[in-house]
Protein backbone atom coordinates (compact mmCIF):
# COMPACT_ATOMS: atom_id res chain seq x y z
CA MET A 1 63.78 152.70 93.59
CA GLU A 2 62.98 149.70 90.95
CA PHE A 3 63.62 147.29 93.26
CA LEU A 4 61.62 147.73 95.96
CA SER A 5 58.66 148.49 93.23
CA SER A 6 59.45 144.66 92.37
CA PHE A 7 57.99 143.39 95.11
CA PRO A 8 54.45 141.97 94.60
CA SER A 9 51.89 141.97 96.85
CA THR A 10 51.62 138.49 98.76
CA THR A 11 49.77 136.58 101.78
CA ILE A 12 51.48 135.40 104.40
CA GLN A 13 48.72 133.16 106.75
CA SER A 14 46.05 134.78 105.11
CA LYS A 15 47.02 138.16 106.05
CA PRO A 16 47.80 140.77 103.20
CA VAL A 17 51.03 142.13 102.84
CA ASN A 18 52.14 144.74 100.93
CA LEU A 19 55.87 144.73 100.17
CA GLU A 20 56.05 148.18 98.36
CA ILE A 21 57.53 150.31 101.28
CA GLU A 22 59.79 152.59 99.44
CA ALA A 23 57.81 155.55 100.98
CA GLU A 24 57.85 154.40 104.29
CA ASN A 25 60.53 156.03 106.56
CA TYR A 26 61.87 156.24 110.12
CA GLY A 27 62.75 159.83 110.46
CA SER A 28 65.27 160.15 106.99
CA ILE A 29 66.39 156.88 106.87
CA PRO A 30 64.40 154.86 104.98
CA VAL A 31 62.96 151.70 106.41
CA TRP A 32 64.84 149.34 103.91
CA GLN A 33 68.09 150.85 105.20
CA ARG A 34 67.46 150.29 108.40
CA ALA A 35 66.64 146.32 107.72
CA ILE A 36 69.34 146.23 106.02
CA ASP A 37 71.88 147.30 108.51
CA MET A 38 70.66 145.13 111.06
CA LEU A 39 71.56 141.99 109.03
CA GLU A 40 75.61 140.68 108.56
CA PRO A 41 76.06 137.64 106.30
CA ASN A 42 75.23 135.02 108.61
CA SER A 43 74.02 131.20 108.01
CA LEU A 44 71.08 131.10 109.70
CA LYS A 45 68.29 128.37 109.08
CA GLN A 46 65.33 126.70 111.02
CA GLY A 47 65.64 125.78 114.10
CA ASP A 48 68.59 128.44 115.06
CA ILE A 49 67.62 130.10 118.26
CA GLY A 50 69.52 133.88 119.18
CA VAL A 51 70.29 137.23 118.70
CA GLU A 52 71.39 137.17 115.21
CA VAL A 53 67.79 135.38 114.01
CA LYS A 54 66.00 138.18 116.22
CA LYS A 55 67.94 140.91 113.67
CA LEU A 56 66.56 138.89 110.83
CA GLN A 57 63.11 138.63 111.67
CA GLN A 58 63.01 142.59 112.22
CA ALA A 59 65.19 143.29 109.04
CA LEU A 60 62.19 140.62 107.59
CA HIS A 61 59.36 143.24 109.11
CA LEU A 62 61.06 146.30 108.38
CA LEU A 63 60.76 144.87 104.75
CA SER A 64 57.14 143.74 105.26
CA VAL A 65 57.39 140.23 104.62
CA TYR A 66 57.21 138.65 107.84
CA ASN A 67 54.77 139.55 110.29
CA GLY A 68 55.28 136.89 113.06
CA PRO A 69 56.90 137.50 116.60
CA VAL A 70 60.58 139.17 116.55
CA ASP A 71 61.86 136.41 119.30
CA GLY A 72 64.92 134.80 118.04
CA ARG A 73 63.72 131.65 116.94
CA PHE A 74 63.97 130.59 113.35
CA ASP A 75 60.35 128.58 112.70
CA MET A 76 58.43 128.11 109.79
CA MET A 77 57.10 131.18 109.69
CA THR A 78 60.73 133.13 109.39
CA ALA A 79 61.57 130.89 106.76
CA ALA A 80 58.49 130.99 104.69
CA SER A 81 59.16 135.07 104.89
CA LEU A 82 62.78 134.40 103.80
CA ARG A 83 61.25 132.22 100.82
CA ILE A 84 59.67 135.47 99.68
CA LEU A 85 62.43 137.72 99.86
CA GLN A 86 64.79 135.49 97.92
CA LEU A 87 62.06 134.57 95.29
CA VAL A 88 62.22 138.53 94.89
CA LEU A 89 65.72 138.53 94.59
CA ASN A 90 65.51 136.29 91.99
CA ILE A 91 67.42 133.49 93.53
CA GLU A 92 66.90 129.82 95.29
CA SER A 93 64.52 129.86 97.37
CA THR A 94 65.96 127.71 100.25
CA GLY A 95 64.47 129.64 103.35
CA GLU A 96 68.11 129.86 104.74
CA PHE A 97 69.80 133.17 105.54
CA ASP A 98 72.83 132.75 103.80
CA ASP A 99 75.92 134.70 102.17
CA THR A 100 73.92 134.30 98.88
CA THR A 101 70.93 135.66 100.02
CA TRP A 102 72.40 138.39 102.01
CA CYS A 103 74.66 139.24 98.74
CA ALA A 104 72.22 139.60 96.64
CA LEU A 105 69.94 141.74 99.02
CA MET A 106 73.17 143.97 98.89
CA HIS A 107 73.40 143.87 95.28
CA GLN A 108 70.09 145.36 95.00
CA ILE A 109 70.16 147.66 97.46
CA ASN A 110 73.39 149.19 96.20
CA GLN A 111 71.75 149.80 92.85
CA ILE A 112 69.39 151.98 94.71
CA PRO A 113 69.78 155.52 93.90
CA PRO A 114 70.57 157.76 97.29
CA THR A 115 67.53 159.93 97.79
């Protein structure tokens, strides 16, 4: 799980966030897999509202990069969390969820061998 172990520890709003989640599971489904299964390639940015934003917030929460409300509002905290994920994925840190971010995340996840 080289990808997940490459997540640094970081701070969001002065709260420490541990981004290494490989050992955490919900039943037999790893957390990262649940997070990825929620997402579809969408173009989401700050100011957007809706179910797709809520799915993104849930996924970011499961990936331990977001600790804000899962309310379907793409706010500054959602954008900051997405920027952290983009930095880890080694792509442009825009704070927007786009095809590039989705594809980079899928590529990294597909590199993880099945358990």
